[in-house]
Amino acid sequence: MDPELWSVSDSPQSETFFTVYVNFLASRGPLSDEQKKAWALLDEVFDEECQSHLKELGLPHC
């Protein structure tokens, strides 16, 4: 998967993996604001960890 798809973006048009995933979860049942915030935090942490790991391996990263 392209590293940019993991990146958190301020653009409302941005479709990161977690945006798509949270929308999928919401299609299966309601998500509270607290749950959405938790997924957003996980998105940020996951992106930071992935990008750091990719950089250490000398692979494409953002």
C-alpha atoms as a PDB file:
ATOM      1  CA  MET A   1       0.000   0.000   0.000  1.00  0.00           C
ATOM      2  CA  ASP A   2       1.289   3.455  -0.901  1.00  0.00           C
ATOM      3  CA  PRO A   3       2.677   5.079   2.289  1.00  0.00           C
ATOM      4  CA  GLU A   4       0.711   8.250   1.586  1.00  0.00           C
ATOM      5  CA  LEU A   5      -2.522   6.330   2.095  1.00  0.00           C
ATOM      6  CA  TRP A   6      -1.584   5.885   5.755  1.00  0.00           C
ATOM      7  CA  SER A   7      -0.853   9.570   6.239  1.00  0.00           C
ATOM      8  CA  VAL A   8      -3.129  11.762   8.239  1.00  0.00           C
ATOM      9  CA  SER A   9      -4.253  14.713   6.169  1.00  0.00           C
ATOM     10  CA  ASP A  10      -6.090  17.906   7.057  1.00  0.00           C
ATOM     11  CA  SER A  11      -7.838  17.851   3.705  1.00  0.00           C
ATOM     12  CA  PRO A  12     -11.530  16.911   3.988  1.00  0.00           C
ATOM     13  CA  GLN A  13     -11.201  15.094   0.658  1.00  0.00           C
ATOM     14  CA  SER A  14      -8.424  12.898   2.013  1.00  0.00           C
ATOM     15  CA  GLU A  15      -9.268   9.216   2.042  1.00  0.00           C
ATOM     16  CA  THR A  16      -6.740   7.478   4.257  1.00  0.00           C
ATOM     17  CA  PHE A  17      -7.046   3.817   5.157  1.00  0.00           C
ATOM     18  CA  PHE A  18      -8.536   4.645   8.544  1.00  0.00           C
ATOM     19  CA  THR A  19     -11.099   7.039   7.040  1.00  0.00           C
ATOM     20  CA  VAL A  20     -12.310   4.233   4.815  1.00  0.00           C
ATOM     21  CA  TYR A  21     -12.204   1.737   7.691  1.00  0.00           C
ATOM     22  CA  VAL A  22     -14.145   3.959  10.112  1.00  0.00           C
ATOM     23  CA  ASN A  23     -16.745   4.571   7.402  1.00  0.00           C
ATOM     24  CA  PHE A  24     -17.002   0.795   6.962  1.00  0.00           C
ATOM     25  CA  LEU A  25     -17.481   0.306  10.709  1.00  0.00           C
ATOM     26  CA  ALA A  26     -20.153   3.015  10.736  1.00  0.00           C
ATOM     27  CA  SER A  27     -21.980   1.189   7.949  1.00  0.00           C
ATOM     28  CA  ARG A  28     -22.211  -1.846  10.268  1.00  0.00           C
ATOM     29  CA  GLY A  29     -23.509   0.070  13.264  1.00  0.00           C
ATOM     30  CA  PRO A  30     -23.350   3.453  14.933  1.00  0.00           C
ATOM     31  CA  LEU A  31     -20.030   4.760  16.251  1.00  0.00           C
ATOM     32  CA  SER A  32     -19.942   7.179  19.153  1.00  0.00           C
ATOM     33  CA  ASP A  33     -17.889  10.363  19.002  1.00  0.00           C
ATOM     34  CA  GLU A  34     -15.571   8.779  21.571  1.00  0.00           C
ATOM     35  CA  GLN A  35     -15.031   5.754  19.311  1.00  0.00           C
ATOM     36  CA  LYS A  36     -14.374   7.992  16.291  1.00  0.00           C
ATOM     37  CA  LYS A  37     -11.820   9.987  18.298  1.00  0.00           C
ATOM     38  CA  ALA A  38     -10.134   6.763  19.417  1.00  0.00           C
ATOM     39  CA  TRP A  39      -9.858   5.567  15.796  1.00  0.00           C
ATOM     40  CA  ALA A  40      -8.473   8.977  14.773  1.00  0.00           C
ATOM     41  CA  LEU A  41      -5.806   8.707  17.489  1.00  0.00           C
ATOM     42  CA  LEU A  42      -4.954   5.172  16.403  1.00  0.00           C
ATOM     43  CA  ASP A  43      -4.674   6.480  12.822  1.00  0.00           C
ATOM     44  CA  GLU A  44      -2.107   9.091  13.884  1.00  0.00           C
ATOM     45  CA  VAL A  45      -0.027   6.698  15.995  1.00  0.00           C
ATOM     46  CA  PHE A  46      -0.134   3.947  13.368  1.00  0.00           C
ATOM     47  CA  ASP A  47       0.936   6.368  10.637  1.00  0.00           C
ATOM     48  CA  GLU A  48       3.856   7.679  12.709  1.00  0.00           C
ATOM     49  CA  GLU A  49       5.054   4.155  13.510  1.00  0.00           C
ATOM     50  CA  CYS A  50       4.707   2.913   9.924  1.00  0.00           C
ATOM     51  CA  GLN A  51       6.483   5.911   8.418  1.00  0.00           C
ATOM     52  CA  SER A  52       9.316   5.639  10.954  1.00  0.00           C
ATOM     53  CA  HIS A  53       9.746   1.932  10.270  1.00  0.00           C
ATOM     54  CA  LEU A  54       9.685   2.416   6.494  1.00  0.00           C
ATOM     55  CA  LYS A  55      12.300   5.183   6.786  1.00  0.00           C
ATOM     56  CA  GLU A  56      14.582   2.966   8.905  1.00  0.00           C
ATOM     57  CA  LEU A  57      14.331   0.230   6.264  1.00  0.00           C
ATOM     58  CA  GLY A  58      15.134   2.670   3.462  1.00  0.00           C
ATOM     59  CA  LEU A  59      11.731   2.110   1.871  1.00  0.00           C
ATOM     60  CA  PRO A  60       9.429   4.780   0.392  1.00  0.00           C
ATOM     61  CA  HIS A  61       7.820   6.854   3.132  1.00  0.00           C
ATOM     62  CA  CYS A  62       6.168  10.243   3.643  1.00  0.00           C
END
